[in-house]
N, C-alpha and C. Protein backbone atom coordinates (compact mmCIF):
# COMPACT_ATOMS: atom_id res chain seq x y z
N MET A 1 0.81 -1.20 0.00
CA MET A 1 0.00 0.00 0.00
C MET A 1 0.85 1.26 0.00
N ALA A 2 1.97 1.23 0.68
CA ALA A 2 2.82 2.42 0.74
C ALA A 2 3.35 2.76 -0.64
N LEU A 3 3.64 1.72 -1.43
CA LEU A 3 4.15 1.96 -2.78
C LEU A 3 3.09 2.65 -3.63
N ARG A 4 1.85 2.25 -3.49
CA ARG A 4 0.77 2.86 -4.26
C ARG A 4 0.61 4.33 -3.88
N LYS A 5 0.68 4.64 -2.59
CA LYS A 5 0.57 6.02 -2.15
C LYS A 5 1.76 6.84 -2.67
N TYR A 6 2.96 6.24 -2.66
CA TYR A 6 4.15 6.93 -3.15
C TYR A 6 3.99 7.25 -4.62
N ARG A 7 3.50 6.31 -5.40
CA ARG A 7 3.30 6.55 -6.83
C ARG A 7 2.29 7.65 -7.06
N THR A 8 1.22 7.66 -6.28
CA THR A 8 0.20 8.70 -6.42
C THR A 8 0.79 10.07 -6.09
N ASP A 9 1.55 10.14 -5.00
CA ASP A 9 2.18 11.41 -4.63
C ASP A 9 3.15 11.87 -5.71
N ALA A 10 3.90 10.93 -6.28
CA ALA A 10 4.86 11.28 -7.33
C ALA A 10 4.13 11.78 -8.58
N ALA A 11 3.00 11.16 -8.90
CA ALA A 11 2.22 11.60 -10.07
C ALA A 11 1.66 13.00 -9.85
N VAL A 12 1.19 13.27 -8.65
CA VAL A 12 0.67 14.60 -8.33
C VAL A 12 1.79 15.64 -8.42
N ALA A 13 2.95 15.31 -7.89
CA ALA A 13 4.09 16.24 -7.94
C ALA A 13 4.53 16.48 -9.38
N ALA A 14 4.54 15.43 -10.19
CA ALA A 14 4.93 15.59 -11.60
C ALA A 14 3.92 16.47 -12.34
N GLY A 15 2.65 16.30 -12.04
CA GLY A 15 1.62 17.12 -12.67
C GLY A 15 1.77 18.58 -12.28
N GLU A 16 2.08 18.83 -11.02
CA GLU A 16 2.27 20.21 -10.58
C GLU A 16 3.51 20.83 -11.21
N ALA A 17 4.57 20.04 -11.35
CA ALA A 17 5.80 20.55 -11.97
C ALA A 17 5.54 20.88 -13.44
N GLU A 18 4.75 20.05 -14.11
CA GLU A 18 4.44 20.30 -15.52
C GLU A 18 3.61 21.57 -15.66
N ALA A 19 2.67 21.76 -14.78
CA ALA A 19 1.84 22.97 -14.82
C ALA A 19 2.70 24.21 -14.58
N ALA A 20 3.66 24.12 -13.69
CA ALA A 20 4.54 25.25 -13.40
C ALA A 20 5.41 25.56 -14.61
N GLN A 21 5.87 24.53 -15.32
CA GLN A 21 6.72 24.76 -16.49
C GLN A 21 5.94 25.46 -17.59
N THR A 22 4.68 25.12 -17.76
CA THR A 22 3.88 25.74 -18.82
C THR A 22 3.70 27.23 -18.57
N GLY A 23 3.64 27.63 -17.31
CA GLY A 23 3.44 29.04 -17.01
C GLY A 23 4.74 29.82 -16.89
N SER A 24 5.87 29.17 -17.01
CA SER A 24 7.14 29.86 -16.80
C SER A 24 7.51 30.72 -18.01
N PRO A 25 8.19 31.82 -17.80
CA PRO A 25 8.60 32.68 -18.92
C PRO A 25 9.53 31.96 -19.90
N THR A 26 10.36 31.06 -19.40
CA THR A 26 11.27 30.33 -20.28
C THR A 26 10.52 29.51 -21.31
N TYR A 27 9.43 28.90 -20.89
CA TYR A 27 8.60 28.11 -21.80
C TYR A 27 8.08 28.98 -22.94
N TRP A 28 7.59 30.16 -22.59
CA TRP A 28 7.01 31.04 -23.61
C TRP A 28 8.07 31.61 -24.54
N VAL A 29 9.26 31.90 -24.00
CA VAL A 29 10.35 32.40 -24.84
C VAL A 29 10.77 31.32 -25.84
N CYS A 30 10.91 30.10 -25.37
CA CYS A 30 11.28 29.00 -26.28
C CYS A 30 10.21 28.77 -27.33
N LEU A 31 8.96 28.84 -26.93
CA LEU A 31 7.86 28.66 -27.88
C LEU A 31 7.87 29.77 -28.92
N ALA A 32 8.11 31.01 -28.50
CA ALA A 32 8.17 32.13 -29.44
C ALA A 32 9.33 31.98 -30.41
N LEU A 33 10.49 31.53 -29.90
CA LEU A 33 11.64 31.32 -30.78
C LEU A 33 11.37 30.21 -31.79
N LEU A 34 10.71 29.16 -31.35
CA LEU A 34 10.37 28.06 -32.26
C LEU A 34 9.42 28.54 -33.35
N LEU A 35 8.42 29.30 -32.99
CA LEU A 35 7.48 29.81 -33.98
C LEU A 35 8.14 30.79 -34.94
N ALA A 36 9.05 31.63 -34.42
CA ALA A 36 9.77 32.57 -35.28
C ALA A 36 10.66 31.82 -36.27
N THR A 37 11.28 30.74 -35.81
CA THR A 37 12.13 29.94 -36.68
C THR A 37 11.30 29.29 -37.79
N LEU A 38 10.14 28.77 -37.42
CA LEU A 38 9.27 28.16 -38.43
C LEU A 38 8.77 29.19 -39.43
N ALA A 39 8.45 30.39 -38.95
CA ALA A 39 7.99 31.45 -39.87
C ALA A 39 9.12 31.85 -40.81
N LEU A 40 10.32 31.97 -40.30
CA LEU A 40 11.46 32.32 -41.15
C LEU A 40 11.73 31.22 -42.19
N ALA A 41 11.64 29.98 -41.77
CA ALA A 41 11.84 28.87 -42.70
C ALA A 41 10.77 28.88 -43.79
N ALA A 42 9.55 29.21 -43.44
CA ALA A 42 8.47 29.26 -44.42
C ALA A 42 8.71 30.39 -45.41
N ARG A 43 9.21 31.53 -44.93
CA ARG A 43 9.49 32.66 -45.85
C ARG A 43 10.63 32.31 -46.79
N ILE A 44 11.67 31.67 -46.27
CA ILE A 44 12.79 31.28 -47.12
C ILE A 44 12.34 30.26 -48.17
N ALA A 45 11.52 29.30 -47.75
CA ALA A 45 11.05 28.28 -48.68
C ALA A 45 10.15 28.90 -49.75
N SER A 46 9.37 29.91 -49.41
CA SER A 46 8.47 30.52 -50.39
C SER A 46 9.25 31.35 -51.42
N LEU A 47 10.41 31.86 -51.01
CA LEU A 47 11.22 32.64 -51.95
C LEU A 47 12.02 31.76 -52.90
N TRP A 48 12.24 30.54 -52.51
CA TRP A 48 13.07 29.65 -53.30
C TRP A 48 12.39 29.10 -54.47
């Protein structure tokens, strides 16, 4: 039973950590850079 409770606590902690990462400024900066890179690649491909 203790193992089951430990797994549940670990899953809750992992879910909270994931939620915190989504709201972090670093996440949004990386997402913006990824989108800017894709937009630049699309412009270069359209000119070619």
